[in-house]
Amino acid sequence: MLKVENLSKIYGNQIAVNQLNFEIQKGEIVGFLGPNGAGKSSTMKMITCFLPPSSGNVIIDRKYSILDHPIEVKKRIGYLPEHNPLYTDMYIKEFLLFIANIYQIPKNEQEKRVHEMIEITGLTLEKHKKIGQLSKGYKQRVGLAQALIHDPHILILDEPTTGLDPNQIVEIRNLILELGKSKTIVFSSHILSEVEAIADRIMIIHKGNLLVDDSKDNLQNQAKSENIYRLEVEKEGLNLENIKLLEGFISVNKVSETEFFLKSDKNLDLRKTLFEICNQQDNPILSLNKESMSLEAIFKKMTNN
């Protein structure tokens, strides 16, 4: 459905997107993650033909290129940008009819299609209002409706829940899950729990480079293969050299003079050994927690300098 080939974007001397390569198949919901400035929005804008690439290409449906067939690509993609551009003086129905006309939906089908979009996106109770009178959540729904009105194969959603309250986030999340039953969806988000709840596959981009591209299940299984411990002791100078000799020990990271993160494989429980070491060195443990390797931890691991 969507193939990205050596896609790059350079602004002056800055490489925003660096030689990205990936494929997304029909029916996948892909969470696209990265810190601010990682290149997420630039990538999405290139895929949707809003921004020309410096090099590389994107192929839709195995035959339409963003370089050679931009109109055909736009027909097959629905795009909701991070800053949702709407005509706030227009009524919802008026605006959606305007968008339907832009996409050259036949006149005799436009009313029906607009009605369907209003139903699907939960705008029925607000449909007689001007867009400027709507809450942030309902404006996002209007943005989704305009992205869906031409029945695209692929949806590109850039931060679709930005600025929404918790109830609105759940509503948009459920809508994305429902749409994912019939469409390919790529969405970016800074809310990692949201990505875990929605995505089948997760990509992490950092400084324009694709660092992670794997299924959510594989990443979760990888996380379960390791134990992580957070240790805080009372005094400085704790010696942990003996623990490094244990079979299954992976690493120790010193956060401060009295705080450490330790990692072992899933078959080695370090807690008893840590207690004995601290006791021998007369250095009381203030806290010792076994932590799970969440998507947040994987994200931090991959994107911290």
C-alpha atoms as a PDB file:
ATOM      1  CA  MET A   1       0.000   0.000   0.000  1.00  0.00           C
ATOM      2  CA  LEU A   2       2.744   2.495   0.988  1.00  0.00           C
ATOM      3  CA  LYS A   3       6.429   2.163   0.134  1.00  0.00           C
ATOM      4  CA  VAL A   4       9.044   4.719   1.188  1.00  0.00           C
ATOM      5  CA  GLU A   5      12.341   4.554  -0.709  1.00  0.00           C
ATOM      6  CA  ASN A   6      15.483   6.409   0.457  1.00  0.00           C
ATOM      7  CA  LEU A   7      13.382   9.404   1.475  1.00  0.00           C
ATOM      8  CA  SER A   8      15.365  12.459   2.599  1.00  0.00           C
ATOM      9  CA  LYS A   9      14.698  16.094   3.391  1.00  0.00           C
ATOM     10  CA  ILE A  10      17.433  18.693   3.873  1.00  0.00           C
ATOM     11  CA  TYR A  11      16.864  22.264   5.068  1.00  0.00           C
ATOM     12  CA  GLY A  12      20.052  24.226   4.357  1.00  0.00           C
ATOM     13  CA  ASN A  13      22.739  22.343   6.264  1.00  0.00           C
ATOM     14  CA  GLN A  14      20.302  20.391   8.421  1.00  0.00           C
ATOM     15  CA  ILE A  15      19.283  16.845   7.512  1.00  0.00           C
ATOM     16  CA  ALA A  16      15.709  16.587   8.787  1.00  0.00           C
ATOM     17  CA  VAL A  17      14.954  13.175   7.246  1.00  0.00           C
ATOM     18  CA  ASN A  18      17.771  10.822   6.336  1.00  0.00           C
ATOM     19  CA  GLN A  19      17.291   8.014   3.778  1.00  0.00           C
ATOM     20  CA  LEU A  20      14.135   6.434   5.224  1.00  0.00           C
ATOM     21  CA  ASN A  21      13.060   3.046   3.878  1.00  0.00           C
ATOM     22  CA  PHE A  22       9.950   1.150   4.962  1.00  0.00           C
ATOM     23  CA  GLU A  23       6.750  -0.455   3.664  1.00  0.00           C
ATOM     24  CA  ILE A  24       3.290  -0.407   5.218  1.00  0.00           C
ATOM     25  CA  GLN A  25       0.674  -2.941   4.178  1.00  0.00           C
ATOM     26  CA  LYS A  26      -3.094  -2.680   3.943  1.00  0.00           C
ATOM     27  CA  GLY A  27      -4.853  -2.757   7.299  1.00  0.00           C
ATOM     28  CA  GLU A  28      -1.833  -1.858   9.447  1.00  0.00           C
ATOM     29  CA  ILE A  29      -2.053   0.828  12.136  1.00  0.00           C
ATOM     30  CA  VAL A  30       1.434   2.255  12.554  1.00  0.00           C
ATOM     31  CA  GLY A  31       2.517   4.490  15.426  1.00  0.00           C
ATOM     32  CA  PHE A  32       5.181   6.944  14.270  1.00  0.00           C
ATOM     33  CA  LEU A  33       7.214   8.156  17.256  1.00  0.00           C
ATOM     34  CA  GLY A  34      10.072  10.547  17.827  1.00  0.00           C
ATOM     35  CA  PRO A  35      11.150  13.557  19.898  1.00  0.00           C
ATOM     36  CA  ASN A  36      10.357  17.077  18.746  1.00  0.00           C
ATOM     37  CA  GLY A  37      12.383  17.841  15.638  1.00  0.00           C
ATOM     38  CA  ALA A  38      12.969  14.164  14.833  1.00  0.00           C
ATOM     39  CA  GLY A  39      11.534  14.460  11.306  1.00  0.00           C
ATOM     40  CA  LYS A  40       8.050  12.975  11.802  1.00  0.00           C
ATOM     41  CA  SER A  41       6.026  15.855  10.375  1.00  0.00           C
ATOM     42  CA  SER A  42       8.456  16.381   7.493  1.00  0.00           C
ATOM     43  CA  THR A  43       8.120  12.699   6.574  1.00  0.00           C
ATOM     44  CA  MET A  44       4.326  12.857   6.692  1.00  0.00           C
ATOM     45  CA  LYS A  45       4.264  16.028   4.580  1.00  0.00           C
ATOM     46  CA  MET A  46       6.440  14.375   1.936  1.00  0.00           C
ATOM     47  CA  ILE A  47       4.268  11.242   1.855  1.00  0.00           C
ATOM     48  CA  THR A  48       1.180  13.412   1.344  1.00  0.00           C
ATOM     49  CA  CYS A  49       2.812  15.622  -1.344  1.00  0.00           C
ATOM     50  CA  PHE A  50       2.670  18.756   0.808  1.00  0.00           C
ATOM     51  CA  LEU A  51       6.466  18.945   0.838  1.00  0.00           C
ATOM     52  CA  PRO A  52       8.846  17.914  -1.957  1.00  0.00           C
ATOM     53  CA  PRO A  53      11.620  15.493  -0.939  1.00  0.00           C
ATOM     54  CA  SER A  54      15.275  16.393  -1.347  1.00  0.00           C
ATOM     55  CA  SER A  55      15.778  12.856  -2.612  1.00  0.00           C
ATOM     56  CA  GLY A  56      14.004   9.512  -2.621  1.00  0.00           C
ATOM     57  CA  ASN A  57      10.433   8.592  -3.425  1.00  0.00           C
ATOM     58  CA  VAL A  58       7.141   7.278  -2.051  1.00  0.00           C
ATOM     59  CA  ILE A  59       5.016   4.763  -3.965  1.00  0.00           C
ATOM     60  CA  ILE A  60       1.289   4.275  -3.275  1.00  0.00           C
ATOM     61  CA  ASP A  61      -0.599   1.143  -4.358  1.00  0.00           C
ATOM     62  CA  ARG A  62       2.563  -0.112  -6.101  1.00  0.00           C
ATOM     63  CA  LYS A  63       2.245   2.311  -9.030  1.00  0.00           C
ATOM     64  CA  TYR A  64       1.632   5.927  -8.004  1.00  0.00           C
ATOM     65  CA  SER A  65       4.695   8.030  -7.151  1.00  0.00           C
ATOM     66  CA  ILE A  66       4.717  11.307  -5.224  1.00  0.00           C
ATOM     67  CA  LEU A  67       7.141  12.604  -7.870  1.00  0.00           C
ATOM     68  CA  ASP A  68       5.259  11.536 -10.992  1.00  0.00           C
ATOM     69  CA  HIS A  69       1.614  11.168  -9.876  1.00  0.00           C
ATOM     70  CA  PRO A  70       0.972  13.637  -7.005  1.00  0.00           C
ATOM     71  CA  ILE A  71      -2.737  14.048  -7.835  1.00  0.00           C
ATOM     72  CA  GLU A  72      -3.321  10.287  -7.850  1.00  0.00           C
ATOM     73  CA  VAL A  73      -1.448   9.989  -4.545  1.00  0.00           C
ATOM     74  CA  LYS A  74      -3.603  12.703  -2.947  1.00  0.00           C
ATOM     75  CA  LYS A  75      -6.752  10.923  -4.118  1.00  0.00           C
ATOM     76  CA  ARG A  76      -5.684   7.843  -2.165  1.00  0.00           C
ATOM     77  CA  ILE A  77      -4.491   9.534   1.021  1.00  0.00           C
ATOM     78  CA  GLY A  78      -6.427  11.333   3.750  1.00  0.00           C
ATOM     79  CA  TYR A  79      -4.286  13.744   5.751  1.00  0.00           C
ATOM     80  CA  LEU A  80      -4.904  15.408   9.108  1.00  0.00           C
ATOM     81  CA  PRO A  81      -1.991  17.779   9.835  1.00  0.00           C
ATOM     82  CA  GLU A  82      -0.889  18.625  13.360  1.00  0.00           C
ATOM     83  CA  HIS A  83      -2.278  22.164  13.080  1.00  0.00           C
ATOM     84  CA  ASN A  84      -5.689  21.361  11.664  1.00  0.00           C
ATOM     85  CA  PRO A  85      -6.514  24.065   9.050  1.00  0.00           C
ATOM     86  CA  LEU A  86     -10.256  24.760   8.944  1.00  0.00           C
ATOM     87  CA  TYR A  87     -12.482  27.567   7.651  1.00  0.00           C
ATOM     88  CA  THR A  88     -13.932  28.619  10.980  1.00  0.00           C
ATOM     89  CA  ASP A  89     -16.650  30.875   9.486  1.00  0.00           C
ATOM     90  CA  MET A  90     -18.184  27.958   7.575  1.00  0.00           C
ATOM     91  CA  TYR A  91     -20.819  25.598   8.932  1.00  0.00           C
ATOM     92  CA  ILE A  92     -19.725  21.951   9.300  1.00  0.00           C
ATOM     93  CA  LYS A  93     -21.929  20.682   6.496  1.00  0.00           C
ATOM     94  CA  GLU A  94     -21.019  23.625   4.274  1.00  0.00           C
ATOM     95  CA  PHE A  95     -17.299  22.974   4.820  1.00  0.00           C
ATOM     96  CA  LEU A  96     -17.560  19.237   4.118  1.00  0.00           C
ATOM     97  CA  LEU A  97     -19.536  19.890   0.927  1.00  0.00           C
ATOM     98  CA  PHE A  98     -16.776  22.296  -0.098  1.00  0.00           C
ATOM     99  CA  ILE A  99     -14.137  19.574   0.503  1.00  0.00           C
ATOM    100  CA  ALA A 100     -16.259  17.002  -1.346  1.00  0.00           C
ATOM    101  CA  ASN A 101     -16.344  19.336  -4.327  1.00  0.00           C
ATOM    102  CA  ILE A 102     -12.556  19.757  -4.232  1.00  0.00           C
ATOM    103  CA  TYR A 103     -12.178  15.977  -4.390  1.00  0.00           C
ATOM    104  CA  GLN A 104     -14.595  15.941  -7.334  1.00  0.00           C
ATOM    105  CA  ILE A 105     -17.066  13.622  -5.657  1.00  0.00           C
ATOM    106  CA  PRO A 106     -20.107  13.502  -7.999  1.00  0.00           C
ATOM    107  CA  LYS A 107     -22.729  16.113  -7.124  1.00  0.00           C
ATOM    108  CA  ASN A 108     -25.452  13.517  -6.656  1.00  0.00           C
ATOM    109  CA  GLU A 109     -23.320  11.689  -4.049  1.00  0.00           C
ATOM    110  CA  GLN A 110     -21.988  14.633  -2.047  1.00  0.00           C
ATOM    111  CA  GLU A 111     -24.916  15.042   0.358  1.00  0.00           C
ATOM    112  CA  LYS A 112     -24.916  11.331   1.176  1.00  0.00           C
ATOM    113  CA  ARG A 113     -21.152  11.277   1.695  1.00  0.00           C
ATOM    114  CA  VAL A 114     -21.211  14.332   3.964  1.00  0.00           C
ATOM    115  CA  HIS A 115     -24.000  12.773   6.032  1.00  0.00           C
ATOM    116  CA  GLU A 116     -21.949   9.557   6.381  1.00  0.00           C
ATOM    117  CA  MET A 117     -18.878  11.503   7.557  1.00  0.00           C
ATOM    118  CA  ILE A 118     -20.902  13.430  10.115  1.00  0.00           C
ATOM    119  CA  GLU A 119     -22.243  10.133  11.482  1.00  0.00           C
ATOM    120  CA  ILE A 120     -18.894   8.301  11.479  1.00  0.00           C
ATOM    121  CA  THR A 121     -17.018  11.090  13.243  1.00  0.00           C
ATOM    122  CA  GLY A 122     -19.736  11.774  15.829  1.00  0.00           C
ATOM    123  CA  LEU A 123     -20.637  15.275  14.643  1.00  0.00           C
ATOM    124  CA  THR A 124     -24.397  14.751  14.447  1.00  0.00           C
ATOM    125  CA  LEU A 125     -25.298  16.916  17.467  1.00  0.00           C
ATOM    126  CA  GLU A 126     -23.010  19.732  16.307  1.00  0.00           C
ATOM    127  CA  LYS A 127     -23.668  19.640  12.568  1.00  0.00           C
ATOM    128  CA  HIS A 128     -25.670  22.900  12.500  1.00  0.00           C
ATOM    129  CA  LYS A 129     -22.870  24.924  14.109  1.00  0.00           C
ATOM    130  CA  LYS A 130     -20.122  26.991  12.578  1.00  0.00           C
ATOM    131  CA  ILE A 131     -16.669  25.415  12.920  1.00  0.00           C
ATOM    132  CA  GLY A 132     -15.478  28.405  14.965  1.00  0.00           C
ATOM    133  CA  GLN A 133     -18.101  27.588  17.625  1.00  0.00           C
ATOM    134  CA  LEU A 134     -16.763  24.067  18.173  1.00  0.00           C
ATOM    135  CA  SER A 135     -14.488  22.763  20.932  1.00  0.00           C
ATOM    136  CA  LYS A 136     -10.999  21.544  20.094  1.00  0.00           C
ATOM    137  CA  GLY A 137     -12.212  17.934  20.148  1.00  0.00           C
ATOM    138  CA  TYR A 138     -15.013  18.567  17.680  1.00  0.00           C
ATOM    139  CA  LYS A 139     -12.692  20.554  15.417  1.00  0.00           C
ATOM    140  CA  GLN A 140     -10.456  17.471  15.304  1.00  0.00           C
ATOM    141  CA  ARG A 141     -13.498  15.432  14.299  1.00  0.00           C
ATOM    142  CA  VAL A 142     -14.178  17.870  11.464  1.00  0.00           C
ATOM    143  CA  GLY A 143     -10.548  17.465  10.401  1.00  0.00           C
ATOM    144  CA  LEU A 144     -10.962  13.690  10.387  1.00  0.00           C
ATOM    145  CA  ALA A 145     -14.193  14.007   8.419  1.00  0.00           C
ATOM    146  CA  GLN A 146     -12.490  16.082   5.705  1.00  0.00           C
ATOM    147  CA  ALA A 147      -9.589  13.579   5.612  1.00  0.00           C
ATOM    148  CA  LEU A 148     -12.061  10.710   5.134  1.00  0.00           C
ATOM    149  CA  ILE A 149     -14.640  12.217   2.812  1.00  0.00           C
ATOM    150  CA  HIS A 150     -13.067  10.928  -0.425  1.00  0.00           C
ATOM    151  CA  ASP A 151     -12.772   7.392   1.055  1.00  0.00           C
ATOM    152  CA  PRO A 152      -8.950   7.197   0.949  1.00  0.00           C
ATOM    153  CA  HIS A 153      -7.019   3.911   1.225  1.00  0.00           C
ATOM    154  CA  ILE A 154      -4.482   5.462   3.612  1.00  0.00           C
ATOM    155  CA  LEU A 155      -4.872   7.877   6.533  1.00  0.00           C
ATOM    156  CA  ILE A 156      -1.953  10.020   7.700  1.00  0.00           C
ATOM    157  CA  LEU A 157      -2.691  11.591  11.087  1.00  0.00           C
ATOM    158  CA  ASP A 158      -0.144  13.972  12.614  1.00  0.00           C
ATOM    159  CA  GLU A 159      -0.719  14.298  16.379  1.00  0.00           C
ATOM    160  CA  PRO A 160      -4.494  13.680  16.085  1.00  0.00           C
ATOM    161  CA  THR A 161      -5.149  14.066  19.837  1.00  0.00           C
ATOM    162  CA  THR A 162      -3.053  17.189  20.518  1.00  0.00           C
ATOM    163  CA  GLY A 163      -4.821  19.513  22.955  1.00  0.00           C
ATOM    164  CA  LEU A 164      -7.729  17.174  23.700  1.00  0.00           C
ATOM    165  CA  ASP A 165      -9.007  16.329  27.159  1.00  0.00           C
ATOM    166  CA  PRO A 166      -8.864  12.688  28.384  1.00  0.00           C
ATOM    167  CA  ASN A 167     -12.439  11.899  27.307  1.00  0.00           C
ATOM    168  CA  GLN A 168     -11.885  13.350  23.846  1.00  0.00           C
ATOM    169  CA  ILE A 169      -8.626  11.381  23.498  1.00  0.00           C
ATOM    170  CA  VAL A 170     -10.490   8.132  24.198  1.00  0.00           C
ATOM    171  CA  GLU A 171     -13.175   9.042  21.653  1.00  0.00           C
ATOM    172  CA  ILE A 172     -10.648   9.828  18.900  1.00  0.00           C
ATOM    173  CA  ARG A 173      -8.659   6.698  19.800  1.00  0.00           C
ATOM    174  CA  ASN A 174     -11.745   4.507  19.425  1.00  0.00           C
ATOM    175  CA  LEU A 175     -12.548   6.186  16.128  1.00  0.00           C
ATOM    176  CA  ILE A 176      -9.032   5.460  14.809  1.00  0.00           C
ATOM    177  CA  LEU A 177      -9.330   1.815  15.874  1.00  0.00           C
ATOM    178  CA  GLU A 178     -12.655   1.525  14.046  1.00  0.00           C
ATOM    179  CA  LEU A 179     -11.236   3.159  10.905  1.00  0.00           C
ATOM    180  CA  GLY A 180      -8.245   0.811  11.073  1.00  0.00           C
ATOM    181  CA  LYS A 181     -10.513  -2.123  10.267  1.00  0.00           C
ATOM    182  CA  SER A 182     -10.792  -0.941   6.672  1.00  0.00           C
ATOM    183  CA  LYS A 183      -7.864   1.457   6.112  1.00  0.00           C
ATOM    184  CA  THR A 184      -4.112   1.730   6.503  1.00  0.00           C
ATOM    185  CA  ILE A 185      -3.305   4.306   9.187  1.00  0.00           C
ATOM    186  CA  VAL A 186      -0.058   6.064  10.076  1.00  0.00           C
ATOM    187  CA  PHE A 187      -0.281   8.380  13.085  1.00  0.00           C
ATOM    188  CA  SER A 188       2.222  10.271  15.177  1.00  0.00           C
ATOM    189  CA  SER A 189       1.795  10.949  18.873  1.00  0.00           C
ATOM    190  CA  HIS A 190       3.732  12.009  21.959  1.00  0.00           C
ATOM    191  CA  ILE A 191       1.376  10.005  24.169  1.00  0.00           C
ATOM    192  CA  LEU A 192       3.106   6.623  24.316  1.00  0.00           C
ATOM    193  CA  SER A 193       0.267   4.867  26.150  1.00  0.00           C
ATOM    194  CA  GLU A 194      -1.980   5.921  23.275  1.00  0.00           C
ATOM    195  CA  VAL A 195       0.384   4.356  20.733  1.00  0.00           C
ATOM    196  CA  GLU A 196       0.483   1.136  22.743  1.00  0.00           C
ATOM    197  CA  ALA A 197      -3.323   1.070  22.825  1.00  0.00           C
ATOM    198  CA  ILE A 198      -3.821   1.672  19.098  1.00  0.00           C
ATOM    199  CA  ALA A 199      -0.822   0.642  16.991  1.00  0.00           C
ATOM    200  CA  ASP A 200      -0.023  -2.801  15.560  1.00  0.00           C
ATOM    201  CA  ARG A 201       3.444  -1.637  14.568  1.00  0.00           C
ATOM    202  CA  ILE A 202       5.769   0.993  15.975  1.00  0.00           C
ATOM    203  CA  MET A 203       8.414   3.114  14.278  1.00  0.00           C
ATOM    204  CA  ILE A 204      10.786   5.370  16.212  1.00  0.00           C
ATOM    205  CA  ILE A 205      12.590   8.129  14.321  1.00  0.00           C
ATOM    206  CA  HIS A 206      15.371  10.249  15.816  1.00  0.00           C
ATOM    207  CA  LYS A 207      17.399  12.994  14.128  1.00  0.00           C
ATOM    208  CA  GLY A 208      15.902  11.938  10.808  1.00  0.00           C
ATOM    209  CA  ASN A 209      16.949   8.285  11.146  1.00  0.00           C
ATOM    210  CA  LEU A 210      14.640   5.300  11.569  1.00  0.00           C
ATOM    211  CA  LEU A 211      15.888   3.537  14.713  1.00  0.00           C
ATOM    212  CA  VAL A 212      13.053   1.072  15.397  1.00  0.00           C
ATOM    213  CA  ASP A 213      10.557  -0.595  13.068  1.00  0.00           C
ATOM    214  CA  ASP A 214       8.856  -3.579  14.659  1.00  0.00           C
ATOM    215  CA  SER A 215       5.501  -4.953  15.696  1.00  0.00           C
ATOM    216  CA  LYS A 216       4.158  -3.940  19.094  1.00  0.00           C
ATOM    217  CA  ASP A 217       4.091  -7.596  20.148  1.00  0.00           C
ATOM    218  CA  ASN A 218       7.785  -8.093  19.294  1.00  0.00           C
ATOM    219  CA  LEU A 219       8.777  -4.971  21.210  1.00  0.00           C
ATOM    220  CA  GLN A 220       6.743  -6.069  24.229  1.00  0.00           C
ATOM    221  CA  ASN A 221       8.270  -9.550  24.117  1.00  0.00           C
ATOM    222  CA  GLN A 222      11.736  -8.018  23.900  1.00  0.00           C
ATOM    223  CA  ALA A 223      10.945  -5.887  26.928  1.00  0.00           C
ATOM    224  CA  LYS A 224       9.835  -8.963  28.893  1.00  0.00           C
ATOM    225  CA  SER A 225      13.183 -10.679  28.229  1.00  0.00           C
ATOM    226  CA  GLU A 226      14.972  -8.271  30.604  1.00  0.00           C
ATOM    227  CA  ASN A 227      14.671  -7.246  34.255  1.00  0.00           C
ATOM    228  CA  ILE A 228      15.334  -3.630  35.211  1.00  0.00           C
ATOM    229  CA  TYR A 229      15.992  -2.491  38.787  1.00  0.00           C
ATOM    230  CA  ARG A 230      16.141   0.977  40.253  1.00  0.00           C
ATOM    231  CA  LEU A 231      18.337   1.070  43.348  1.00  0.00           C
ATOM    232  CA  GLU A 232      18.741   4.017  45.713  1.00  0.00           C
ATOM    233  CA  VAL A 233      21.070   3.786  48.712  1.00  0.00           C
ATOM    234  CA  GLU A 234      21.803   6.093  51.626  1.00  0.00           C
ATOM    235  CA  LYS A 235      25.546   6.673  51.175  1.00  0.00           C
ATOM    236  CA  GLU A 236      27.866   7.397  48.306  1.00  0.00           C
ATOM    237  CA  GLY A 237      30.596   4.991  47.183  1.00  0.00           C
ATOM    238  CA  LEU A 238      28.579   1.762  46.697  1.00  0.00           C
ATOM    239  CA  ASN A 239      30.775  -0.892  45.047  1.00  0.00           C
ATOM    240  CA  LEU A 240      28.845  -3.077  42.592  1.00  0.00           C
ATOM    241  CA  GLU A 241      31.804  -4.864  40.972  1.00  0.00           C
ATOM    242  CA  ASN A 242      30.822  -8.290  42.375  1.00  0.00           C
ATOM    243  CA  ILE A 243      27.405  -8.164  40.765  1.00  0.00           C
ATOM    244  CA  LYS A 244      28.957  -7.769  37.323  1.00  0.00           C
ATOM    245  CA  LEU A 245      30.355 -11.318  37.610  1.00  0.00           C
ATOM    246  CA  LEU A 246      26.912 -12.934  37.853  1.00  0.00           C
ATOM    247  CA  GLU A 247      25.681 -15.005  34.922  1.00  0.00           C
ATOM    248  CA  GLY A 248      22.818 -13.131  33.281  1.00  0.00           C
ATOM    249  CA  PHE A 249      23.962  -9.675  34.425  1.00  0.00           C
ATOM    250  CA  ILE A 250      23.704  -7.108  31.590  1.00  0.00           C
ATOM    251  CA  SER A 251      24.550  -3.599  32.748  1.00  0.00           C
ATOM    252  CA  VAL A 252      24.593  -1.001  35.505  1.00  0.00           C
ATOM    253  CA  ASN A 253      24.009   2.707  34.890  1.00  0.00           C
ATOM    254  CA  LYS A 254      24.954   5.234  37.542  1.00  0.00           C
ATOM    255  CA  VAL A 255      22.329   7.985  37.720  1.00  0.00           C
ATOM    256  CA  SER A 256      23.925   9.725  40.720  1.00  0.00           C
ATOM    257  CA  GLU A 257      26.310   8.830  43.549  1.00  0.00           C
ATOM    258  CA  THR A 258      23.477   7.047  45.341  1.00  0.00           C
ATOM    259  CA  GLU A 259      21.118   5.957  42.536  1.00  0.00           C
ATOM    260  CA  PHE A 260      21.602   3.184  39.965  1.00  0.00           C
ATOM    261  CA  PHE A 261      19.728   1.378  37.220  1.00  0.00           C
ATOM    262  CA  LEU A 262      20.681  -2.284  36.777  1.00  0.00           C
ATOM    263  CA  LYS A 263      19.650  -4.701  34.069  1.00  0.00           C
ATOM    264  CA  SER A 264      19.717  -8.500  33.919  1.00  0.00           C
ATOM    265  CA  ASP A 265      18.112 -11.151  31.768  1.00  0.00           C
ATOM    266  CA  LYS A 266      14.723 -12.441  32.874  1.00  0.00           C
ATOM    267  CA  ASN A 267      16.209 -15.525  34.616  1.00  0.00           C
ATOM    268  CA  LEU A 268      18.347 -13.534  37.062  1.00  0.00           C
ATOM    269  CA  ASP A 269      16.702 -11.767  39.994  1.00  0.00           C
ATOM    270  CA  LEU A 270      19.185  -9.267  41.427  1.00  0.00           C
ATOM    271  CA  ARG A 271      17.220  -8.154  44.467  1.00  0.00           C
ATOM    272  CA  LYS A 272      18.585 -10.629  47.034  1.00  0.00           C
ATOM    273  CA  THR A 273      22.176 -10.084  45.849  1.00  0.00           C
ATOM    274  CA  LEU A 274      21.776  -6.312  45.985  1.00  0.00           C
ATOM    275  CA  PHE A 275      20.447  -6.546  49.530  1.00  0.00           C
ATOM    276  CA  GLU A 276      23.470  -8.636  50.596  1.00  0.00           C
ATOM    277  CA  ILE A 277      25.976  -6.276  48.922  1.00  0.00           C
ATOM    278  CA  CYS A 278      24.459  -3.193  50.543  1.00  0.00           C
ATOM    279  CA  ASN A 279      24.317  -4.927  53.919  1.00  0.00           C
ATOM    280  CA  GLN A 280      28.004  -5.963  53.702  1.00  0.00           C
ATOM    281  CA  GLN A 281      29.009  -2.378  52.860  1.00  0.00           C
ATOM    282  CA  ASP A 282      26.812  -0.919  55.624  1.00  0.00           C
ATOM    283  CA  ASN A 283      24.939   1.155  53.067  1.00  0.00           C
ATOM    284  CA  PRO A 284      21.179   0.934  53.726  1.00  0.00           C
ATOM    285  CA  ILE A 285      18.808   0.603  50.778  1.00  0.00           C
ATOM    286  CA  LEU A 286      16.361   3.496  50.577  1.00  0.00           C
ATOM    287  CA  SER A 287      14.427   1.991  47.652  1.00  0.00           C
ATOM    288  CA  LEU A 288      14.712  -1.005  45.347  1.00  0.00           C
ATOM    289  CA  ASN A 289      12.135  -1.400  42.590  1.00  0.00           C
ATOM    290  CA  LYS A 290      11.845  -3.895  39.774  1.00  0.00           C
ATOM    291  CA  GLU A 291      10.553  -1.991  36.770  1.00  0.00           C
ATOM    292  CA  SER A 292       8.961  -3.119  33.543  1.00  0.00           C
ATOM    293  CA  MET A 293      10.536  -2.240  30.175  1.00  0.00           C
ATOM    294  CA  SER A 294       7.650  -0.228  28.753  1.00  0.00           C
ATOM    295  CA  LEU A 295       7.391   1.421  25.360  1.00  0.00           C
ATOM    296  CA  GLU A 296       8.362   4.622  27.167  1.00  0.00           C
ATOM    297  CA  ALA A 297      11.595   2.992  28.381  1.00  0.00           C
ATOM    298  CA  ILE A 298      12.376   1.697  24.875  1.00  0.00           C
ATOM    299  CA  PHE A 299      11.697   5.169  23.468  1.00  0.00           C
ATOM    300  CA  LYS A 300      14.014   6.834  25.991  1.00  0.00           C
ATOM    301  CA  LYS A 301      16.701   4.221  25.426  1.00  0.00           C
ATOM    302  CA  MET A 302      16.668   4.781  21.653  1.00  0.00           C
ATOM    303  CA  THR A 303      16.439   8.582  21.627  1.00  0.00           C
ATOM    304  CA  ASN A 304      18.617   9.672  24.566  1.00  0.00           C
ATOM    305  CA  ASN A 305      22.017  10.944  23.478  1.00  0.00           C
END
